[in-house]
Amino acid sequence: MVLTSEKTVYSAFGMRLTSEIALPELTRSVELTEEIDVEVAIGDLSRVWNEERTIYHSFYAVLDDQVLFYIPDTAIFSIQDGRKVIVSPIAGADEKKIRLYLLGTCMGVLLFQRKTFPLHGSAVVIEGKAYAFIGDSGAGKSTLAAAFLSKGYSLLSDDVIAVTLSDEGVPSVVPAYPQQKLWQESIDQLGMESSGYVPLYERDSKKYAIPVVAKFYTEPVPLGGVFELVKTEDDHWEIEPVEKLKRFPMLLYHTYRNHFISLLHLEQWHFATSASIARHVDMFQLRRPTVGFTAHYLASQILQLVSHKEECTNER
């Protein structure tokens, strides 16, 4: 485990963090005098875990002010009141894997605790608006986002999309951190060379961390649309609008780590936030064949749709 000997401040998901663990994936914050939102620290959680692990599940527990979860051979994590994360590493754990969960599940729980809506997917910036790609694992979210980056567009987030609401209820996406996660298959499809990248962690040599610092957007952006990617056995693709009432189950299903909604008693907040997103944002389902398509082609079709909708809006 790499500990930081100096006070390092990072920015991610609209939060300023200090960390006792080096987090090279994140953007370092220049201003050291501003208020810190979250502290990441090393600690021993073995006692509290052994006492509380049977409350809900053998791998996680939810208490009044914290969420505990355990990843075998990796670490025990405690996320407390939206302001602190304690990491208790297991001896011999892979440091990269610890950071993977720290920047994934821990950030997702922090966002819940801070009343920021976490979607599971990737988000890019197109013509000044954020467009989110959501879907099941393997649907092609990150691959599609990478295709947009290759066309000169910018990444806002990969894996966890943090959505905030203005006082008027208008949703925006805040930037996460400048990295994508791509499978070897996606790297091959996009014509990239995996030899220049490192695996996400030592025991997973088929999924890679892709730094995208030069293509990362660092400011919040209004959410312009949501595309749900769905694999089909058909031989063609199609994009269909998602009607109002169907938007709620779609947003619930693709909320990041959505089992925490009920455990944290956030059902009312989640529904109200979903209603704001559904009211202000265009939502589509993109059905595409399992084989015989390219992410570049789908990206071009989405660009045509976005451009057409912008033209119609400007004509009103």
Protein backbone atom coordinates (compact mmCIF):
# COMPACT_ATOMS: atom_id res chain seq x y z
CA MET A 1 0.00 0.00 0.00
CA VAL A 2 1.40 3.37 -1.06
CA LEU A 3 0.90 6.00 1.64
CA THR A 4 1.30 9.69 0.89
CA SER A 5 3.92 11.48 2.97
CA GLU A 6 2.46 14.88 2.08
CA LYS A 7 -1.05 16.31 2.27
CA THR A 8 -2.36 15.55 -1.20
CA VAL A 9 -5.65 17.05 -2.34
CA TYR A 10 -7.57 15.54 -5.23
CA SER A 11 -10.72 16.41 -7.17
CA ALA A 12 -13.33 13.85 -8.24
CA PHE A 13 -17.13 13.74 -8.63
CA GLY A 14 -17.46 17.37 -7.60
CA MET A 15 -15.66 16.66 -4.31
CA ARG A 16 -12.28 17.70 -2.89
CA LEU A 17 -10.53 14.80 -1.18
CA THR A 18 -7.45 14.34 0.96
CA SER A 19 -6.02 10.84 1.01
CA GLU A 20 -3.44 8.83 2.91
CA ILE A 21 -3.41 6.52 -0.11
CA ALA A 22 -1.83 7.74 -3.33
CA LEU A 23 -4.56 8.02 -5.98
CA PRO A 24 -2.75 8.56 -9.29
CA GLU A 25 -6.00 8.17 -11.26
CA LEU A 26 -7.40 11.40 -9.83
CA THR A 27 -6.71 15.02 -10.69
CA ARG A 28 -4.61 16.84 -8.11
CA SER A 29 -6.19 20.03 -6.82
CA VAL A 30 -4.06 23.17 -6.98
CA GLU A 31 -5.89 25.09 -4.25
CA LEU A 32 -4.99 23.70 -0.81
CA THR A 33 -6.85 26.28 1.25
CA GLU A 34 -10.39 25.47 0.16
CA GLU A 35 -12.65 23.30 2.29
CA ILE A 36 -12.13 19.54 2.08
CA ASP A 37 -15.22 17.44 1.40
CA VAL A 38 -13.92 13.91 1.98
CA GLU A 39 -11.03 12.36 3.89
CA VAL A 40 -9.60 8.98 2.87
CA ALA A 41 -7.62 7.28 5.64
CA ILE A 42 -6.04 3.94 6.57
CA GLY A 43 -7.45 2.21 9.64
CA ASP A 44 -8.17 -1.13 11.27
CA LEU A 45 -11.80 -2.15 10.69
CA SER A 46 -11.47 -5.81 11.61
CA ARG A 47 -13.20 -5.51 14.98
CA VAL A 48 -16.20 -3.49 13.81
CA TRP A 49 -16.56 -5.72 10.74
CA ASN A 50 -16.62 -8.91 12.82
CA GLU A 51 -19.25 -7.37 15.08
CA GLU A 52 -21.53 -5.96 12.37
CA ARG A 53 -21.17 -8.24 9.35
CA THR A 54 -24.32 -10.28 10.02
CA ILE A 55 -26.69 -7.30 9.94
CA TYR A 56 -27.48 -7.55 6.22
CA HIS A 57 -25.09 -9.66 4.25
CA SER A 58 -21.77 -11.44 4.59
CA PHE A 59 -20.10 -8.81 2.39
CA TYR A 60 -21.66 -5.54 3.57
CA ALA A 61 -23.45 -3.90 6.49
CA VAL A 62 -25.32 -0.60 6.82
CA LEU A 63 -25.27 1.22 10.16
CA ASP A 64 -26.74 4.58 11.18
CA ASP A 65 -23.85 6.68 9.90
CA GLN A 66 -21.73 4.35 7.81
CA VAL A 67 -21.64 1.60 5.20
CA LEU A 68 -19.19 -1.26 5.64
CA PHE A 69 -18.22 -3.67 2.89
CA TYR A 70 -15.64 -6.39 2.56
CA ILE A 71 -13.80 -7.59 -0.56
CA PRO A 72 -12.04 -10.93 0.13
CA ASP A 73 -8.24 -10.81 -0.05
CA THR A 74 -8.45 -7.05 -0.67
CA ALA A 75 -9.80 -4.77 2.09
CA ILE A 76 -12.60 -3.75 4.42
CA PHE A 77 -14.04 -0.31 3.63
CA SER A 78 -16.08 2.07 5.77
CA ILE A 79 -17.88 5.02 4.16
CA GLN A 80 -19.02 7.44 6.85
CA ASP A 81 -21.66 10.17 6.59
CA GLY A 82 -20.53 11.30 3.13
CA ARG A 83 -17.33 12.77 4.55
CA LYS A 84 -14.86 10.01 5.33
CA VAL A 85 -13.63 6.70 3.90
CA ILE A 86 -11.54 4.33 6.00
CA VAL A 87 -9.65 1.56 4.22
CA SER A 88 -8.44 -1.51 6.10
CA PRO A 89 -6.20 -3.46 3.68
CA ILE A 90 -5.86 -7.24 3.88
CA ALA A 91 -2.25 -8.43 4.10
CA GLY A 92 -0.81 -9.01 0.63
CA ALA A 93 -3.68 -7.24 -1.14
CA ASP A 94 -3.26 -5.86 -4.65
CA GLU A 95 -3.00 -2.08 -4.29
CA LYS A 96 -4.59 -1.46 -7.68
CA LYS A 97 -7.62 -3.54 -6.72
CA ILE A 98 -8.02 -1.56 -3.49
CA ARG A 99 -8.04 1.67 -5.52
CA LEU A 100 -10.52 0.14 -7.96
CA TYR A 101 -13.09 -0.34 -5.18
CA LEU A 102 -12.15 2.92 -3.50
CA LEU A 103 -12.89 4.83 -6.72
CA GLY A 104 -15.92 2.68 -7.55
CA THR A 105 -18.19 1.39 -4.80
CA CYS A 106 -16.86 3.77 -2.14
CA MET A 107 -17.45 6.79 -4.39
CA GLY A 108 -20.92 5.49 -5.25
CA VAL A 109 -21.87 5.22 -1.57
CA LEU A 110 -20.39 8.65 -0.86
CA LEU A 111 -22.55 10.12 -3.61
CA PHE A 112 -25.66 8.49 -2.11
CA GLN A 113 -24.80 9.85 1.32
CA ARG A 114 -24.24 13.33 -0.17
CA LYS A 115 -27.53 13.15 -2.14
CA THR A 116 -25.85 13.07 -5.54
CA PHE A 117 -27.49 10.72 -8.04
CA PRO A 118 -25.06 8.01 -9.29
CA LEU A 119 -25.78 6.39 -12.65
CA HIS A 120 -23.85 3.35 -13.86
CA GLY A 121 -22.33 4.20 -17.20
CA SER A 122 -20.13 6.59 -19.17
CA ALA A 123 -20.71 10.23 -20.04
CA VAL A 124 -19.24 12.44 -22.75
CA VAL A 125 -19.65 16.10 -23.70
CA ILE A 126 -21.33 16.85 -27.05
CA GLU A 127 -22.01 20.45 -28.09
CA GLY A 128 -21.91 21.74 -24.52
CA LYS A 129 -24.15 19.06 -23.01
CA ALA A 130 -23.47 15.76 -21.23
CA TYR A 131 -24.78 12.54 -22.75
CA ALA A 132 -24.86 9.42 -20.60
CA PHE A 133 -24.56 5.86 -21.89
CA ILE A 134 -26.01 3.32 -19.48
CA GLY A 135 -26.56 -0.44 -19.77
CA ASP A 136 -25.72 -3.84 -18.39
CA SER A 137 -22.13 -5.02 -18.07
CA GLY A 138 -20.77 -5.71 -21.54
CA ALA A 139 -23.37 -3.55 -23.31
CA GLY A 140 -20.62 -1.32 -24.73
CA LYS A 141 -20.88 1.84 -22.60
CA SER A 142 -17.17 2.52 -22.27
CA THR A 143 -16.45 1.39 -25.83
CA LEU A 144 -19.01 3.83 -27.21
CA ALA A 145 -17.59 6.64 -25.05
CA ALA A 146 -14.09 5.82 -26.32
CA ALA A 147 -15.36 6.09 -29.90
CA PHE A 148 -16.57 9.62 -29.13
CA LEU A 149 -13.19 10.49 -27.62
CA SER A 150 -11.50 9.32 -30.83
CA LYS A 151 -13.69 11.83 -32.69
CA GLY A 152 -12.43 14.70 -30.52
CA TYR A 153 -15.14 14.79 -27.84
CA SER A 154 -14.41 14.88 -24.10
CA LEU A 155 -15.04 12.38 -21.30
CA LEU A 156 -16.85 13.36 -18.11
CA SER A 157 -17.04 10.01 -16.38
CA ASP A 158 -16.60 6.27 -16.83
CA ASP A 159 -18.38 3.69 -14.62
CA VAL A 160 -19.99 6.14 -12.14
CA ILE A 161 -21.86 9.19 -13.47
CA ALA A 162 -22.55 11.78 -10.76
CA VAL A 163 -25.72 13.78 -11.47
CA THR A 164 -26.59 16.89 -9.46
CA LEU A 165 -29.69 19.09 -9.57
CA SER A 166 -29.84 22.88 -9.64
CA ASP A 167 -32.25 24.78 -7.38
CA GLU A 168 -34.70 24.61 -10.30
CA GLY A 169 -34.28 20.84 -10.60
CA VAL A 170 -32.19 20.91 -13.79
CA PRO A 171 -29.71 17.98 -13.87
CA SER A 172 -25.99 18.33 -14.58
CA VAL A 173 -23.10 15.86 -14.63
CA VAL A 174 -20.01 16.64 -12.57
CA PRO A 175 -16.65 15.31 -13.82
CA ALA A 176 -15.30 12.12 -12.23
CA TYR A 177 -11.63 11.50 -13.07
CA PRO A 178 -9.61 11.18 -16.32
CA GLN A 179 -9.56 7.42 -16.85
CA GLN A 180 -11.50 4.84 -18.83
CA LYS A 181 -11.71 1.08 -18.29
CA LEU A 182 -11.66 -0.96 -21.51
CA TRP A 183 -11.64 -4.68 -22.23
CA GLN A 184 -9.06 -6.06 -24.63
CA GLU A 185 -11.88 -6.71 -27.13
CA SER A 186 -12.87 -3.03 -27.07
CA ILE A 187 -9.26 -1.90 -27.47
CA ASP A 188 -8.94 -4.15 -30.53
CA GLN A 189 -12.22 -2.91 -32.04
CA LEU A 190 -11.16 0.71 -31.63
CA GLY A 191 -7.77 0.07 -33.23
CA MET A 192 -5.84 0.88 -30.08
CA GLU A 193 -2.68 -0.84 -28.82
CA SER A 194 -2.96 -2.38 -25.34
CA SER A 195 0.81 -2.63 -24.84
CA GLY A 196 0.80 1.02 -23.80
CA TYR A 197 -1.67 0.47 -20.95
CA VAL A 198 -1.61 -1.36 -17.63
CA PRO A 199 -4.22 -3.86 -16.34
CA LEU A 200 -6.73 -2.52 -13.82
CA TYR A 201 -5.20 -4.87 -11.29
CA GLU A 202 -2.62 -7.62 -11.31
CA ARG A 203 -5.00 -10.60 -11.61
CA ASP A 204 -7.07 -9.07 -14.42
CA SER A 205 -4.93 -8.81 -17.54
CA LYS A 206 -7.86 -8.39 -19.97
CA LYS A 207 -9.26 -5.05 -18.76
CA TYR A 208 -7.06 -1.98 -18.89
CA ALA A 209 -6.88 1.46 -17.33
CA ILE A 210 -6.80 4.07 -20.12
CA PRO A 211 -5.65 7.56 -19.05
CA VAL A 212 -7.53 10.33 -20.90
CA VAL A 213 -6.18 13.49 -19.27
CA ALA A 214 -6.04 15.42 -22.56
CA LYS A 215 -9.64 14.44 -23.39
CA PHE A 216 -11.16 15.00 -19.95
CA TYR A 217 -13.71 17.74 -19.30
CA THR A 218 -13.16 19.37 -15.91
CA GLU A 219 -16.35 21.42 -15.41
CA PRO A 220 -19.96 20.38 -14.67
CA VAL A 221 -22.15 20.13 -17.78
CA PRO A 222 -25.96 20.14 -18.15
CA LEU A 223 -27.29 16.64 -18.82
CA GLY A 224 -28.70 16.63 -22.34
CA GLY A 225 -29.65 12.99 -22.84
CA VAL A 226 -29.47 9.41 -21.64
CA PHE A 227 -29.01 6.41 -23.93
CA GLU A 228 -29.65 2.89 -22.62
CA LEU A 229 -27.57 0.36 -24.59
CA VAL A 230 -29.23 -3.03 -25.07
CA LYS A 231 -27.78 -6.05 -26.86
CA THR A 232 -30.17 -7.98 -29.11
CA GLU A 233 -30.04 -11.04 -31.36
CA ASP A 234 -31.40 -8.99 -34.27
CA ASP A 235 -29.21 -8.13 -37.23
CA HIS A 236 -29.96 -4.40 -37.12
CA TRP A 237 -29.82 -1.52 -34.68
CA GLU A 238 -32.45 1.05 -33.71
CA ILE A 239 -32.87 4.05 -31.41
CA GLU A 240 -36.26 4.62 -29.82
CA PRO A 241 -37.40 7.33 -27.38
CA VAL A 242 -38.24 6.13 -23.87
CA GLU A 243 -41.67 7.38 -22.83
CA LYS A 244 -42.15 9.28 -19.58
CA LEU A 245 -43.42 6.51 -17.29
CA LYS A 246 -40.87 4.00 -18.60
CA ARG A 247 -38.06 6.33 -17.62
CA PHE A 248 -38.43 5.65 -13.89
CA PRO A 249 -37.68 1.90 -13.93
CA MET A 250 -34.83 2.52 -16.37
CA LEU A 251 -33.21 5.07 -14.07
CA LEU A 252 -33.72 2.84 -11.04
CA TYR A 253 -32.26 -0.22 -12.75
CA HIS A 254 -29.17 1.67 -13.91
CA THR A 255 -28.53 3.52 -10.67
CA TYR A 256 -25.05 2.56 -9.51
CA ARG A 257 -25.19 0.01 -6.65
CA ASN A 258 -28.97 0.50 -6.48
CA HIS A 259 -29.43 -1.97 -3.60
CA PHE A 260 -28.17 0.80 -1.31
CA ILE A 261 -31.23 2.96 -2.06
CA SER A 262 -33.48 1.04 0.33
CA LEU A 263 -30.71 0.22 2.78
CA LEU A 264 -29.98 3.93 3.18
CA HIS A 265 -33.72 4.82 3.19
CA LEU A 266 -33.34 6.99 0.10
CA GLU A 267 -36.42 5.83 -1.81
CA GLN A 268 -38.22 9.20 -1.67
CA TRP A 269 -35.10 11.18 -2.61
CA HIS A 270 -34.30 8.77 -5.47
CA PHE A 271 -37.82 9.00 -6.88
CA ALA A 272 -37.88 12.81 -6.69
CA THR A 273 -34.47 13.07 -8.37
CA SER A 274 -35.50 10.57 -11.05
CA ALA A 275 -38.60 12.69 -11.71
CA SER A 276 -36.43 15.77 -12.29
CA ILE A 277 -34.14 13.88 -14.67
CA ALA A 278 -37.11 12.36 -16.53
CA ARG A 279 -38.75 15.78 -16.85
CA HIS A 280 -35.74 17.68 -18.19
CA VAL A 281 -33.75 15.15 -20.21
CA ASP A 282 -34.28 13.24 -23.46
CA MET A 283 -34.01 9.49 -22.94
CA PHE A 284 -33.56 6.76 -25.54
CA GLN A 285 -33.01 3.03 -25.83
CA LEU A 286 -30.35 2.03 -28.34
CA ARG A 287 -30.81 -1.60 -29.36
CA ARG A 288 -27.84 -3.03 -31.19
CA PRO A 289 -26.84 -6.49 -32.45
CA THR A 290 -24.33 -8.54 -30.50
CA VAL A 291 -22.09 -8.75 -33.57
CA GLY A 292 -21.77 -6.89 -36.83
CA PHE A 293 -21.63 -3.31 -35.57
CA THR A 294 -18.93 -0.81 -34.66
CA ALA A 295 -18.90 1.71 -31.85
CA HIS A 296 -17.78 4.34 -34.36
CA TYR A 297 -20.91 3.76 -36.43
CA LEU A 298 -23.21 4.00 -33.41
CA ALA A 299 -21.44 7.18 -32.30
CA SER A 300 -22.08 8.75 -35.72
CA GLN A 301 -25.78 7.86 -35.52
CA ILE A 302 -26.08 9.37 -32.04
CA LEU A 303 -24.37 12.53 -33.28
CA GLN A 304 -26.92 12.83 -36.08
CA LEU A 305 -29.78 12.43 -33.60
CA VAL A 306 -28.32 14.98 -31.17
CA SER A 307 -27.68 17.44 -34.00
CA HIS A 308 -31.24 17.03 -35.30
CA LYS A 309 -32.76 17.62 -31.86
CA GLU A 310 -30.60 20.71 -31.35
CA GLU A 311 -31.78 22.10 -34.70
CA CYS A 312 -35.42 21.48 -33.77
CA THR A 313 -34.90 23.18 -30.39
CA ASN A 314 -33.29 26.22 -31.98
CA GLU A 315 -36.15 26.58 -34.47
CA ARG A 316 -38.77 26.80 -31.74
